[in-house]
N, C-alpha and C. Protein backbone atom coordinates (compact mmCIF):
# COMPACT_ATOMS: atom_id res chain seq x y z
N MET A 1 -6.05 -1.22 -26.32
CA MET A 1 -5.22 -0.40 -25.58
C MET A 1 -4.77 -1.13 -24.21
N ILE A 2 -3.52 -0.72 -23.92
CA ILE A 2 -3.05 -1.33 -22.65
C ILE A 2 -3.31 -0.23 -21.60
N ILE A 3 -3.91 -0.93 -20.49
CA ILE A 3 -4.20 -0.19 -19.32
C ILE A 3 -3.62 -0.54 -18.02
N ALA A 4 -3.51 0.33 -17.08
CA ALA A 4 -2.99 -0.22 -15.64
C ALA A 4 -3.87 0.23 -14.68
N GLY A 5 -3.90 -0.33 -13.50
CA GLY A 5 -4.58 0.11 -12.48
C GLY A 5 -3.69 0.04 -11.34
N VAL A 6 -3.76 0.99 -10.37
CA VAL A 6 -2.77 1.22 -9.23
C VAL A 6 -3.71 1.52 -7.97
N ASP A 7 -3.34 0.95 -6.85
CA ASP A 7 -3.76 0.85 -5.58
C ASP A 7 -2.89 0.60 -4.58
N GLU A 8 -3.25 0.71 -3.31
CA GLU A 8 -2.26 0.41 -2.15
C GLU A 8 -2.89 -0.21 -1.15
N ALA A 9 -2.24 -0.61 -0.08
CA ALA A 9 -2.81 -1.45 1.10
C ALA A 9 -1.79 -1.20 2.07
N GLY A 10 -2.32 -0.69 3.21
CA GLY A 10 -1.51 -0.28 4.42
C GLY A 10 -1.20 1.08 4.53
N ARG A 11 -1.78 1.95 4.29
CA ARG A 11 -1.32 3.30 4.13
C ARG A 11 -1.54 3.84 5.53
N GLY A 12 -2.41 3.42 6.31
CA GLY A 12 -2.65 4.01 7.58
C GLY A 12 -2.21 3.24 8.87
N PRO A 13 -1.81 2.09 8.65
CA PRO A 13 -1.56 1.40 10.22
C PRO A 13 -0.21 1.89 10.52
N VAL A 14 0.07 1.59 11.71
CA VAL A 14 1.26 1.85 12.63
C VAL A 14 2.22 0.75 12.66
N ILE A 15 1.60 -0.40 12.28
CA ILE A 15 2.52 -1.69 12.15
C ILE A 15 2.38 -2.22 10.73
N GLY A 16 3.63 -2.46 10.18
CA GLY A 16 3.88 -3.16 9.01
C GLY A 16 4.04 -2.30 7.78
N PRO A 17 4.31 -2.55 6.55
CA PRO A 17 4.56 -1.83 5.30
C PRO A 17 3.31 -1.13 4.83
N MET A 18 3.55 -0.47 3.79
CA MET A 18 2.66 0.11 3.00
C MET A 18 2.94 -0.71 1.61
N VAL A 19 1.93 -0.94 0.99
CA VAL A 19 2.06 -1.72 -0.35
C VAL A 19 1.43 -1.15 -1.47
N LEU A 20 2.20 -1.04 -2.62
CA LEU A 20 1.48 -0.41 -3.74
C LEU A 20 1.63 -1.65 -4.94
N ALA A 21 0.59 -1.63 -5.70
CA ALA A 21 0.63 -2.55 -6.71
C ALA A 21 0.14 -1.92 -8.06
N VAL A 22 0.76 -2.29 -9.17
CA VAL A 22 0.17 -1.97 -10.62
C VAL A 22 -0.21 -3.25 -11.22
N ALA A 23 -1.36 -3.01 -11.87
CA ALA A 23 -2.05 -4.44 -12.57
C ALA A 23 -2.10 -3.92 -13.96
N VAL A 24 -1.67 -4.56 -14.88
CA VAL A 24 -1.64 -4.20 -16.38
C VAL A 24 -2.36 -5.25 -17.20
N LEU A 25 -3.39 -4.74 -18.15
CA LEU A 25 -4.09 -5.70 -18.97
C LEU A 25 -4.55 -4.98 -20.21
N ASP A 26 -4.67 -5.62 -21.31
CA ASP A 26 -5.28 -5.34 -22.50
C ASP A 26 -6.84 -4.89 -22.06
N ASP A 27 -7.10 -3.70 -22.51
CA ASP A 27 -8.82 -3.47 -22.13
C ASP A 27 -9.61 -4.39 -22.83
N GLU A 28 -9.27 -5.04 -23.86
CA GLU A 28 -10.07 -6.01 -24.42
C GLU A 28 -10.52 -7.29 -23.50
N ASP A 29 -9.18 -7.43 -22.58
CA ASP A 29 -9.55 -8.62 -21.54
C ASP A 29 -10.14 -8.24 -20.36
N GLU A 30 -10.56 -7.08 -20.33
CA GLU A 30 -11.14 -6.49 -18.90
C GLU A 30 -12.45 -7.21 -18.59
N GLN A 31 -13.20 -7.86 -19.58
CA GLN A 31 -14.31 -8.54 -19.31
C GLN A 31 -14.10 -9.77 -18.20
N LYS A 32 -12.81 -10.31 -18.68
CA LYS A 32 -12.40 -11.30 -17.62
C LYS A 32 -12.41 -10.93 -16.17
N LEU A 33 -11.97 -9.92 -15.81
CA LEU A 33 -12.06 -9.26 -14.48
C LEU A 33 -13.44 -9.03 -13.99
N LEU A 34 -14.29 -8.78 -14.77
CA LEU A 34 -15.75 -8.63 -14.50
C LEU A 34 -16.39 -10.13 -14.08
N GLU A 35 -15.87 -11.04 -14.87
CA GLU A 35 -16.51 -12.24 -14.82
C GLU A 35 -16.16 -12.96 -13.49
N MET A 36 -14.89 -12.48 -13.14
CA MET A 36 -14.25 -13.09 -11.78
C MET A 36 -14.67 -12.31 -10.60
N GLU A 37 -15.44 -11.20 -10.86
CA GLU A 37 -15.98 -10.34 -10.00
C GLU A 37 -14.78 -9.68 -9.08
N ILE A 38 -13.82 -9.30 -10.06
CA ILE A 38 -12.71 -8.53 -9.38
C ILE A 38 -13.06 -7.06 -8.99
N ARG A 39 -12.79 -6.83 -7.77
CA ARG A 39 -13.18 -5.50 -7.18
C ARG A 39 -12.34 -5.09 -6.00
N ASP A 40 -12.71 -3.95 -5.33
CA ASP A 40 -11.94 -3.65 -4.14
C ASP A 40 -11.77 -4.77 -3.25
N SER A 41 -10.49 -5.03 -2.74
CA SER A 41 -10.06 -6.11 -1.90
C SER A 41 -10.81 -6.26 -0.80
N LYS A 42 -11.12 -5.05 -0.31
CA LYS A 42 -11.88 -5.07 1.04
C LYS A 42 -13.24 -5.65 1.09
N LEU A 43 -13.92 -5.82 -0.25
CA LEU A 43 -15.07 -6.31 -0.26
C LEU A 43 -15.19 -7.86 -0.62
N ILE A 44 -14.03 -8.47 -0.33
CA ILE A 44 -13.68 -9.97 -0.69
C ILE A 44 -13.23 -10.49 0.46
N ALA A 45 -13.71 -11.73 0.53
CA ALA A 45 -13.16 -12.64 1.80
C ALA A 45 -11.70 -13.07 1.65
N PRO A 46 -10.95 -13.09 2.66
CA PRO A 46 -9.47 -13.52 2.65
C PRO A 46 -9.30 -14.65 1.68
N LYS A 47 -10.01 -15.74 1.84
CA LYS A 47 -9.64 -17.05 1.16
C LYS A 47 -9.77 -16.76 -0.38
N LYS A 48 -10.90 -16.11 -0.90
CA LYS A 48 -11.27 -15.98 -2.26
C LYS A 48 -10.48 -14.94 -2.73
N ARG A 49 -9.90 -13.88 -1.85
CA ARG A 49 -8.93 -12.94 -2.05
C ARG A 49 -7.73 -13.45 -2.64
N LYS A 50 -7.25 -14.48 -1.85
CA LYS A 50 -6.03 -15.16 -2.26
C LYS A 50 -5.96 -15.96 -3.60
N LYS A 51 -7.15 -16.56 -3.77
CA LYS A 51 -7.36 -17.18 -4.95
C LYS A 51 -7.37 -16.30 -6.14
N LEU A 52 -7.86 -15.17 -5.86
CA LEU A 52 -8.08 -14.28 -7.00
C LEU A 52 -6.77 -13.80 -7.43
N HIS A 53 -6.00 -13.52 -6.28
CA HIS A 53 -4.47 -12.99 -6.31
C HIS A 53 -3.71 -13.86 -7.18
N ASP A 54 -3.88 -15.35 -7.12
CA ASP A 54 -2.98 -16.26 -7.85
C ASP A 54 -3.52 -16.26 -9.25
N TRP A 55 -4.82 -15.93 -9.28
CA TRP A 55 -5.45 -16.07 -10.77
C TRP A 55 -4.82 -14.81 -11.45
N LEU A 56 -4.92 -13.58 -10.82
CA LEU A 56 -4.33 -12.53 -11.48
C LEU A 56 -2.91 -12.39 -11.97
N ILE A 57 -2.05 -13.13 -11.08
CA ILE A 57 -0.62 -13.30 -11.41
C ILE A 57 -0.42 -13.98 -12.63
N ALA A 58 -1.32 -15.10 -12.91
CA ALA A 58 -1.18 -15.74 -14.01
C ALA A 58 -1.71 -15.11 -15.23
N GLU A 59 -2.84 -14.32 -15.18
CA GLU A 59 -3.89 -13.77 -16.18
C GLU A 59 -3.36 -12.38 -16.63
N LEU A 60 -2.75 -11.51 -15.68
CA LEU A 60 -2.44 -10.16 -15.92
C LEU A 60 -1.41 -10.07 -17.11
N PHE A 61 -1.30 -9.04 -18.04
CA PHE A 61 -0.34 -8.87 -18.94
C PHE A 61 0.92 -8.65 -18.24
N GLU A 62 0.97 -7.81 -17.19
CA GLU A 62 2.09 -7.59 -16.36
C GLU A 62 1.60 -6.89 -15.15
N SER A 63 2.58 -7.08 -13.84
CA SER A 63 2.23 -6.34 -12.77
C SER A 63 3.50 -6.08 -12.07
N ALA A 64 3.55 -5.14 -11.14
CA ALA A 64 4.44 -4.69 -10.35
C ALA A 64 4.15 -4.51 -8.76
N ILE A 65 4.80 -4.90 -7.92
CA ILE A 65 4.55 -4.56 -6.44
C ILE A 65 5.66 -3.83 -5.76
N ILE A 66 5.59 -2.99 -4.88
CA ILE A 66 6.57 -2.39 -4.32
C ILE A 66 5.96 -2.29 -2.74
N SER A 67 6.98 -2.63 -1.84
CA SER A 67 6.50 -2.73 -0.40
C SER A 67 7.61 -1.73 0.27
N VAL A 68 6.83 -0.56 0.80
CA VAL A 68 7.53 0.23 1.56
C VAL A 68 7.55 0.09 3.17
N SER A 69 8.82 -0.08 3.63
CA SER A 69 8.91 -0.54 5.04
C SER A 69 8.67 0.57 5.96
N PRO A 70 8.26 0.29 7.30
CA PRO A 70 8.17 1.40 8.43
C PRO A 70 9.45 2.28 8.34
N SER A 71 10.58 1.77 8.29
CA SER A 71 11.72 2.55 8.46
C SER A 71 11.97 3.66 7.09
N GLU A 72 11.59 3.06 6.12
CA GLU A 72 11.59 3.87 4.77
C GLU A 72 10.50 5.03 4.88
N LEU A 73 9.40 4.78 5.36
CA LEU A 73 8.48 5.52 5.43
C LEU A 73 8.80 6.64 6.40
N ASP A 74 9.13 6.48 7.45
CA ASP A 74 9.59 7.26 8.60
C ASP A 74 10.71 8.30 8.01
N LEU A 75 11.72 7.60 7.29
CA LEU A 75 12.78 8.57 6.83
C LEU A 75 12.12 9.60 5.65
N LEU A 76 11.31 8.98 4.86
CA LEU A 76 10.67 9.88 3.77
C LEU A 76 9.81 11.01 4.39
N MET A 77 9.02 10.68 5.42
CA MET A 77 8.40 11.52 5.94
C MET A 77 8.95 12.60 6.78
N GLN A 78 10.21 12.70 6.80
CA GLN A 78 10.90 13.71 7.21
C GLN A 78 10.99 15.11 6.33
N GLU A 79 10.89 14.71 5.04
CA GLU A 79 10.74 15.81 4.04
C GLU A 79 9.32 15.77 3.23
N HIS A 80 8.51 14.68 3.18
CA HIS A 80 7.42 14.69 2.24
C HIS A 80 6.25 14.32 3.03
N SER A 81 4.97 14.67 2.43
CA SER A 81 3.80 14.09 3.06
C SER A 81 3.58 12.71 2.42
N LEU A 82 2.63 11.92 3.31
CA LEU A 82 2.32 10.79 2.93
C LEU A 82 1.74 10.72 1.55
N ASN A 83 0.91 11.60 0.97
CA ASN A 83 0.43 11.48 -0.30
C ASN A 83 1.51 11.64 -1.26
N GLU A 84 2.66 12.40 -1.03
CA GLU A 84 3.66 12.76 -1.95
C GLU A 84 4.59 11.40 -1.97
N ILE A 85 4.75 10.74 -0.92
CA ILE A 85 5.44 9.53 -0.79
C ILE A 85 4.68 8.52 -1.65
N GLU A 86 3.44 8.39 -1.52
CA GLU A 86 2.62 7.50 -2.17
C GLU A 86 2.75 7.57 -3.60
N ALA A 87 2.65 8.88 -4.21
CA ALA A 87 2.84 9.19 -5.52
C ALA A 87 4.10 8.78 -6.03
N MET A 88 5.26 9.14 -5.27
CA MET A 88 6.67 8.65 -5.70
C MET A 88 6.79 7.19 -5.92
N LYS A 89 6.23 6.48 -5.15
CA LYS A 89 6.17 5.10 -5.12
C LYS A 89 5.36 4.41 -6.12
N ILE A 90 4.22 5.07 -6.29
CA ILE A 90 3.36 4.55 -7.56
C ILE A 90 4.13 4.74 -8.76
N ALA A 91 4.83 5.87 -9.04
CA ALA A 91 5.71 6.26 -10.02
C ALA A 91 6.71 5.25 -10.36
N GLU A 92 7.39 4.88 -9.26
CA GLU A 92 8.47 3.88 -9.17
C GLU A 92 7.82 2.60 -9.71
N ALA A 93 6.70 2.26 -9.40
CA ALA A 93 6.32 1.00 -9.67
C ALA A 93 5.76 0.92 -11.27
N ILE A 94 5.30 2.13 -11.60
CA ILE A 94 4.81 2.28 -12.94
C ILE A 94 6.11 2.29 -13.80
N ASN A 95 7.07 2.92 -13.57
CA ASN A 95 8.36 2.91 -14.12
C ASN A 95 9.02 1.60 -14.46
N ALA A 96 8.78 0.70 -13.33
CA ALA A 96 9.39 -0.65 -13.65
C ALA A 96 8.60 -1.57 -14.53
N ILE A 97 7.45 -1.11 -14.87
CA ILE A 97 6.82 -1.93 -15.91
C ILE A 97 7.23 -1.91 -17.35
N ASP A 98 7.17 -2.66 -18.15
CA ASP A 98 7.91 -2.50 -19.59
C ASP A 98 6.81 -2.42 -20.51
N SER A 99 5.66 -2.43 -20.23
CA SER A 99 4.49 -2.08 -21.13
C SER A 99 4.25 -0.63 -21.21
N ARG A 100 3.88 -0.39 -22.60
CA ARG A 100 3.50 1.15 -22.79
C ARG A 100 2.02 1.15 -22.73
N PHE A 101 1.52 1.94 -21.74
CA PHE A 101 0.14 2.17 -21.23
C PHE A 101 -0.19 3.09 -22.23
N GLY A 102 -1.71 2.97 -22.36
CA GLY A 102 -2.55 3.91 -23.01
C GLY A 102 -3.09 4.83 -21.95
N ARG A 103 -3.43 4.18 -20.82
CA ARG A 103 -4.11 5.00 -19.61
C ARG A 103 -3.83 4.23 -18.41
N ILE A 104 -3.68 5.06 -17.29
CA ILE A 104 -3.49 4.41 -16.06
C ILE A 104 -4.56 5.01 -15.21
N TYR A 105 -5.16 3.96 -14.25
CA TYR A 105 -6.31 4.38 -13.55
C TYR A 105 -5.71 4.13 -11.97
N VAL A 106 -6.02 5.35 -11.16
CA VAL A 106 -5.39 5.35 -9.92
C VAL A 106 -6.48 5.60 -8.84
N ASP A 107 -6.43 5.03 -7.53
CA ASP A 107 -7.42 5.14 -6.57
C ASP A 107 -6.76 6.39 -5.81
N SER A 108 -7.30 7.52 -5.76
CA SER A 108 -6.64 8.61 -5.26
C SER A 108 -6.93 8.89 -3.73
N PRO A 109 -5.75 8.94 -2.95
CA PRO A 109 -5.95 9.34 -1.50
C PRO A 109 -6.12 10.93 -1.27
N ASP A 110 -5.85 11.61 -2.33
CA ASP A 110 -5.73 13.01 -1.98
C ASP A 110 -7.26 13.54 -2.22
N THR A 111 -7.57 14.48 -1.50
CA THR A 111 -9.03 15.10 -1.41
C THR A 111 -9.30 15.82 -2.75
N GLU A 112 -8.19 16.21 -3.44
CA GLU A 112 -8.55 16.63 -4.74
C GLU A 112 -7.94 15.71 -5.74
N ALA A 113 -8.82 14.60 -6.18
CA ALA A 113 -8.24 13.48 -7.04
C ALA A 113 -7.27 14.03 -8.20
N PRO A 114 -7.61 14.95 -8.87
CA PRO A 114 -6.75 15.22 -10.15
C PRO A 114 -5.34 15.88 -9.70
N ARG A 115 -5.33 16.45 -8.27
CA ARG A 115 -3.90 16.82 -7.80
C ARG A 115 -3.04 15.60 -7.68
N PHE A 116 -3.51 14.48 -7.13
CA PHE A 116 -2.88 13.28 -7.11
C PHE A 116 -2.17 12.81 -8.43
N ALA A 117 -2.97 12.97 -9.46
CA ALA A 117 -2.48 12.57 -10.57
C ALA A 117 -1.19 13.47 -10.95
N ARG A 118 -1.17 14.69 -10.73
CA ARG A 118 -0.16 15.73 -10.88
C ARG A 118 1.11 15.25 -10.12
N ARG A 119 0.81 14.89 -9.04
CA ARG A 119 2.00 14.53 -8.13
C ARG A 119 2.59 13.19 -8.67
N ILE A 120 1.91 12.21 -9.21
CA ILE A 120 2.47 11.17 -9.92
C ILE A 120 3.24 11.51 -11.04
N ARG A 121 2.56 12.22 -12.02
CA ARG A 121 3.30 12.80 -13.19
C ARG A 121 4.80 13.18 -13.07
N LYS A 122 5.07 13.80 -12.09
CA LYS A 122 6.18 14.49 -11.78
C LYS A 122 7.38 13.38 -11.61
N TYR A 123 7.13 12.17 -11.34
CA TYR A 123 8.14 11.17 -11.35
C TYR A 123 8.26 10.04 -12.17
N LEU A 124 7.29 10.28 -13.31
CA LEU A 124 7.21 9.25 -14.30
C LEU A 124 8.28 9.41 -15.35
N ASP A 125 8.71 8.24 -15.93
CA ASP A 125 9.49 8.23 -17.02
C ASP A 125 9.04 8.78 -18.27
N ASN A 126 7.56 8.63 -18.36
CA ASN A 126 6.71 9.11 -19.44
C ASN A 126 5.53 9.90 -18.71
N PRO A 127 5.87 11.15 -18.68
CA PRO A 127 4.90 12.15 -17.90
C PRO A 127 3.67 12.23 -18.90
N LYS A 128 3.70 11.95 -20.01
CA LYS A 128 2.57 12.18 -21.13
C LYS A 128 1.45 11.31 -21.12
N VAL A 129 1.69 10.23 -20.18
CA VAL A 129 0.75 9.15 -20.13
C VAL A 129 -0.63 9.72 -19.57
N ASP A 130 -1.72 9.13 -19.98
CA ASP A 130 -2.97 9.57 -19.37
C ASP A 130 -3.44 8.94 -18.25
N ILE A 131 -3.49 9.70 -17.07
CA ILE A 131 -3.72 9.13 -15.71
C ILE A 131 -5.21 9.65 -15.36
N VAL A 132 -6.07 8.79 -15.00
CA VAL A 132 -7.33 8.90 -14.28
C VAL A 132 -7.42 8.68 -13.00
N SER A 133 -7.25 9.66 -12.19
CA SER A 133 -7.11 9.59 -10.84
C SER A 133 -8.44 9.76 -10.10
N GLU A 134 -9.06 9.00 -9.51
CA GLU A 134 -10.46 9.40 -8.71
C GLU A 134 -10.61 8.56 -7.24
N HIS A 135 -11.36 9.06 -6.54
CA HIS A 135 -11.80 8.50 -5.45
C HIS A 135 -12.65 7.28 -5.85
N LYS A 136 -12.62 6.16 -5.06
CA LYS A 136 -13.32 4.96 -5.17
C LYS A 136 -12.95 4.29 -6.69
N ALA A 137 -11.74 4.59 -7.28
CA ALA A 137 -11.38 3.87 -8.39
C ALA A 137 -11.51 2.37 -8.27
N ASP A 138 -10.96 1.84 -6.83
CA ASP A 138 -11.03 0.58 -6.70
C ASP A 138 -12.23 -0.16 -6.83
N VAL A 139 -13.25 0.40 -6.74
CA VAL A 139 -14.84 0.03 -6.80
C VAL A 139 -15.33 0.31 -8.20
N ASN A 140 -14.94 1.34 -8.81
CA ASN A 140 -15.36 1.85 -10.03
C ASN A 140 -14.66 1.10 -11.43
N TYR A 141 -13.49 0.61 -11.20
CA TYR A 141 -12.73 0.10 -12.34
C TYR A 141 -12.04 -1.25 -12.02
N PRO A 142 -12.47 -2.18 -12.59
CA PRO A 142 -11.91 -3.49 -12.30
C PRO A 142 -10.41 -3.69 -12.17
N ILE A 143 -9.67 -3.08 -13.11
CA ILE A 143 -8.27 -3.06 -13.14
C ILE A 143 -7.77 -2.42 -11.84
N VAL A 144 -8.25 -1.42 -11.18
CA VAL A 144 -7.68 -0.82 -10.01
C VAL A 144 -8.14 -1.78 -8.92
N GLY A 145 -9.22 -2.55 -8.96
CA GLY A 145 -9.74 -3.58 -7.99
C GLY A 145 -8.47 -4.70 -8.11
N ALA A 146 -8.03 -5.07 -9.46
CA ALA A 146 -7.05 -6.11 -9.48
C ALA A 146 -5.75 -5.73 -8.64
N ALA A 147 -5.42 -4.35 -8.83
CA ALA A 147 -4.19 -3.90 -8.12
C ALA A 147 -4.41 -3.94 -6.52
N SER A 148 -5.74 -3.50 -6.27
CA SER A 148 -6.04 -3.70 -4.76
C SER A 148 -5.91 -5.03 -4.21
N ILE A 149 -6.16 -5.95 -4.94
CA ILE A 149 -6.13 -7.47 -4.33
C ILE A 149 -4.56 -7.76 -4.35
N LEU A 150 -3.94 -7.36 -5.44
CA LEU A 150 -2.45 -7.74 -5.27
C LEU A 150 -1.75 -7.08 -4.13
N ALA A 151 -2.01 -5.80 -4.01
CA ALA A 151 -1.55 -5.03 -2.66
C ALA A 151 -1.96 -5.62 -1.43
N LYS A 152 -3.25 -6.06 -1.34
CA LYS A 152 -3.81 -6.39 -0.06
C LYS A 152 -3.10 -7.79 0.23
N VAL A 153 -2.96 -8.63 -0.66
CA VAL A 153 -2.59 -10.06 -0.32
C VAL A 153 -1.19 -10.03 -0.01
N THR A 154 -0.38 -9.22 -0.63
CA THR A 154 1.03 -9.16 -0.54
C THR A 154 1.15 -8.66 0.91
N ARG A 155 0.58 -7.53 1.40
CA ARG A 155 0.67 -6.97 2.76
C ARG A 155 0.15 -8.09 3.84
N ASP A 156 -0.89 -8.79 3.40
CA ASP A 156 -1.37 -9.57 4.36
C ASP A 156 -0.46 -10.74 4.64
N SER A 157 0.29 -11.08 3.67
CA SER A 157 1.44 -12.16 3.83
C SER A 157 2.50 -11.83 4.73
N THR A 158 2.89 -10.42 4.62
CA THR A 158 3.82 -9.83 5.62
C THR A 158 3.34 -9.68 6.96
N ILE A 159 2.27 -9.37 7.15
CA ILE A 159 1.52 -9.21 8.41
C ILE A 159 1.38 -10.60 9.25
N GLU A 160 1.03 -11.72 8.37
CA GLU A 160 1.03 -12.94 9.08
C GLU A 160 2.34 -13.34 9.51
N VAL A 161 3.48 -13.04 8.85
CA VAL A 161 4.85 -13.42 9.40
C VAL A 161 5.06 -12.64 10.51
N LEU A 162 4.69 -11.42 10.69
CA LEU A 162 5.14 -10.64 11.84
C LEU A 162 4.07 -11.11 13.07
N ARG A 163 2.60 -11.63 12.70
CA ARG A 163 1.90 -12.26 13.80
C ARG A 163 2.62 -13.61 14.33
N GLU A 164 3.25 -14.32 13.49
CA GLU A 164 3.93 -15.40 13.96
C GLU A 164 5.12 -15.19 14.84
N GLU A 165 5.71 -13.97 14.68
CA GLU A 165 6.79 -13.77 15.36
C GLU A 165 6.30 -13.01 16.82
N LEU A 166 5.39 -12.27 16.58
CA LEU A 166 4.98 -11.30 17.62
C LEU A 166 3.89 -11.61 18.47
N GLY A 167 2.90 -12.52 17.90
CA GLY A 167 1.74 -12.72 18.56
C GLY A 167 0.58 -11.90 17.95
N ASP A 168 -0.56 -11.94 18.47
CA ASP A 168 -1.74 -11.20 17.72
C ASP A 168 -1.85 -9.57 18.37
N PHE A 169 -1.50 -8.66 17.21
CA PHE A 169 -1.64 -7.27 17.59
C PHE A 169 -2.61 -6.55 16.97
N GLY A 170 -3.71 -7.36 16.53
CA GLY A 170 -4.83 -6.78 15.88
C GLY A 170 -4.64 -6.41 14.60
N SER A 171 -5.34 -5.38 14.08
CA SER A 171 -5.24 -4.98 12.72
C SER A 171 -3.98 -4.08 12.31
N GLY A 172 -3.24 -3.70 13.34
CA GLY A 172 -2.13 -2.72 13.18
C GLY A 172 -2.61 -1.37 13.15
N TYR A 173 -3.79 -0.90 13.00
CA TYR A 173 -4.22 0.44 12.93
C TYR A 173 -4.31 0.98 14.31
N PRO A 174 -4.03 2.32 14.23
CA PRO A 174 -4.01 3.32 15.73
C PRO A 174 -5.10 3.06 16.26
N SER A 175 -6.51 2.95 15.84
CA SER A 175 -7.74 3.14 16.49
C SER A 175 -8.22 1.67 16.93
N ASP A 176 -7.39 0.65 16.52
CA ASP A 176 -7.64 -0.78 17.13
C ASP A 176 -7.21 -1.03 18.60
N PRO A 177 -8.25 -1.23 19.51
CA PRO A 177 -7.98 -1.43 21.03
C PRO A 177 -6.89 -2.63 21.05
N LYS A 178 -7.05 -3.60 20.19
CA LYS A 178 -6.14 -4.66 20.43
C LYS A 178 -4.53 -4.23 19.98
N THR A 179 -4.43 -3.42 18.87
CA THR A 179 -3.36 -2.71 18.50
C THR A 179 -2.68 -1.82 19.59
N LYS A 180 -3.61 -0.96 20.35
CA LYS A 180 -3.02 -0.16 21.20
C LYS A 180 -2.40 -0.91 22.42
N ALA A 181 -3.24 -1.98 22.92
CA ALA A 181 -2.90 -2.85 23.98
C ALA A 181 -1.48 -3.37 23.54
N PHE A 182 -1.35 -3.94 22.37
CA PHE A 182 0.08 -4.39 21.94
C PHE A 182 1.01 -3.38 22.11
N ILE A 183 0.79 -2.25 21.63
CA ILE A 183 1.82 -1.20 21.63
C ILE A 183 2.22 -0.76 22.94
N GLU A 184 1.21 -0.78 24.12
CA GLU A 184 1.51 -0.39 25.44
C GLU A 184 2.17 -1.46 25.99
N ASP A 185 1.94 -2.75 25.68
CA ASP A 185 2.73 -3.76 26.22
C ASP A 185 4.11 -3.86 25.82
N TYR A 186 4.20 -3.64 24.42
CA TYR A 186 5.69 -3.78 23.77
C TYR A 186 6.46 -2.64 24.54
N PHE A 187 5.99 -1.36 24.76
CA PHE A 187 6.99 -0.48 25.55
C PHE A 187 7.01 -0.39 26.88
N SER A 188 6.15 -1.28 27.60
CA SER A 188 6.57 -1.71 28.89
C SER A 188 7.59 -2.57 29.29
N LYS A 189 7.91 -3.28 28.01
CA LYS A 189 9.15 -4.10 28.06
C LYS A 189 10.22 -3.76 27.26
N ASN A 190 10.16 -2.49 26.40
CA ASN A 190 11.13 -2.28 25.44
C ASN A 190 11.38 -0.87 25.43
N GLU A 191 12.40 -0.06 25.11
CA GLU A 191 12.74 1.21 25.05
C GLU A 191 12.78 1.75 23.68
N SER A 192 13.38 0.88 22.83
CA SER A 192 13.53 1.37 21.40
C SER A 192 12.27 0.98 20.72
N ILE A 193 12.05 1.79 19.54
CA ILE A 193 10.99 1.81 18.45
C ILE A 193 11.46 0.65 17.71
N PRO A 194 10.59 -0.47 17.45
CA PRO A 194 11.06 -1.68 16.57
C PRO A 194 11.00 -1.33 15.26
N HIS A 195 11.67 -2.17 14.29
CA HIS A 195 11.67 -1.96 12.84
C HIS A 195 10.01 -2.07 12.17
N PHE A 196 9.22 -2.95 12.92
CA PHE A 196 7.84 -3.19 12.29
C PHE A 196 6.82 -1.91 12.45
N MET A 197 7.36 -1.17 13.48
CA MET A 197 6.38 0.19 13.76
C MET A 197 6.86 1.50 12.87
N ARG A 198 5.84 2.31 12.64
CA ARG A 198 6.30 3.53 12.05
C ARG A 198 6.47 4.73 13.09
N SER A 199 7.38 5.18 13.24
CA SER A 199 7.75 6.15 14.37
C SER A 199 7.18 7.57 14.15
N ALA A 200 6.97 7.80 12.78
CA ALA A 200 6.34 9.13 12.24
C ALA A 200 4.90 9.36 12.66
N TRP A 201 4.27 8.10 13.08
CA TRP A 201 2.91 8.12 13.29
C TRP A 201 2.65 8.66 14.86
N LYS A 202 1.56 9.65 15.01
CA LYS A 202 1.42 10.24 16.22
C LYS A 202 1.21 9.26 17.32
N THR A 203 0.77 8.06 16.95
CA THR A 203 0.41 6.96 17.86
C THR A 203 1.52 6.73 18.85
N LEU A 204 3.07 6.99 18.31
CA LEU A 204 4.01 6.55 19.14
C LEU A 204 4.68 7.90 19.62
N ASP A 205 4.12 9.04 19.59
CA ASP A 205 4.83 10.22 20.04
C ASP A 205 5.17 10.17 21.69
N LYS A 206 4.10 9.58 22.35
CA LYS A 206 4.54 9.48 23.98
C LYS A 206 5.74 8.59 24.25
N TYR A 207 6.08 7.68 23.27
CA TYR A 207 7.04 6.78 23.68
C TYR A 207 8.38 7.28 23.13
N LYS A 208 8.40 8.34 22.14
CA LYS A 208 9.60 9.02 21.69
C LYS A 208 10.19 9.83 22.90
N LYS A 209 9.36 10.24 23.89
CA LYS A 209 9.74 11.09 25.04
C LYS A 209 10.29 10.22 26.21
N LYS A 210 10.34 8.99 26.14
CA LYS A 210 10.75 8.17 27.23
C LYS A 210 12.37 8.29 27.10
N PRO A 211 12.93 8.24 28.25
CA PRO A 211 14.46 8.40 28.29
C PRO A 211 15.03 7.13 27.63
N HIS A 212 16.11 7.46 26.77
CA HIS A 212 16.72 6.53 25.85
C HIS A 212 15.67 5.76 24.93
N ALA A 213 14.69 6.33 24.56
CA ALA A 213 13.71 5.66 23.70
C ALA A 213 14.27 5.49 22.23
N PHE A 214 15.31 6.09 21.88
CA PHE A 214 15.96 5.77 20.61
C PHE A 214 17.40 5.30 20.86
N GLY A 215 17.70 4.83 22.00
CA GLY A 215 18.97 4.32 22.32
C GLY A 215 19.29 3.09 21.29
N GLN A 216 18.22 2.36 20.92
CA GLN A 216 18.79 1.18 20.31
C GLN A 216 17.77 1.12 19.01
N GLN A 217 17.61 2.37 18.54
CA GLN A 217 16.67 2.58 17.38
C GLN A 217 17.11 1.98 16.11
N THR A 218 16.39 1.14 15.44
CA THR A 218 16.64 0.30 14.27
C THR A 218 16.11 1.15 12.98
N LEU A 219 15.43 2.19 13.20
CA LEU A 219 14.65 2.74 12.08
C LEU A 219 15.43 3.37 11.02
N PHE A 220 16.74 4.23 11.62
CA PHE A 220 17.44 5.06 10.57
C PHE A 220 18.71 4.53 10.42
């Protein structure tokens, strides 16, 4: 049976894209993932993660990756919750795959995991496909771990390009002191919200109130 795993990277940061990945494999080959110790990307060191990413690209039956920019997230969040946006984009990635799956495993961000499966199903070309939506699916299912690695390495490469351009802004998460300091410094010198930040995040609320804060807005 052909199976697919789905996961994301960068759901929470205020800086950079959210990346979603679909990994596809015949379940008879899943043992290969176990042998390579494929699991949640957060549990793997960066250098090994990159090597596993390259191995997966060569070994997987098929894969798809979608990067959702801060500007697109801001636009979509005017009408949809983040969970709904993620479901929409997961379905978009799945619909781009040529393979006919027997089952799709999804790492659910929803507090009610089965509800997230229903969200995804609304946007699928084949809504009858079996969807297993669970919390910690990236830990429990190697195929979801594979998707986690694809998403994480893809996002990390984008973040590295941003760091070369902007300097060290930390993890990009709102709770990171280095990220907070970077944002404070940025808006001490600039009035418009840049393309690499998500203005829909509450972290930037106080900057939206600045005079002419959107005078050179590039998000919409």
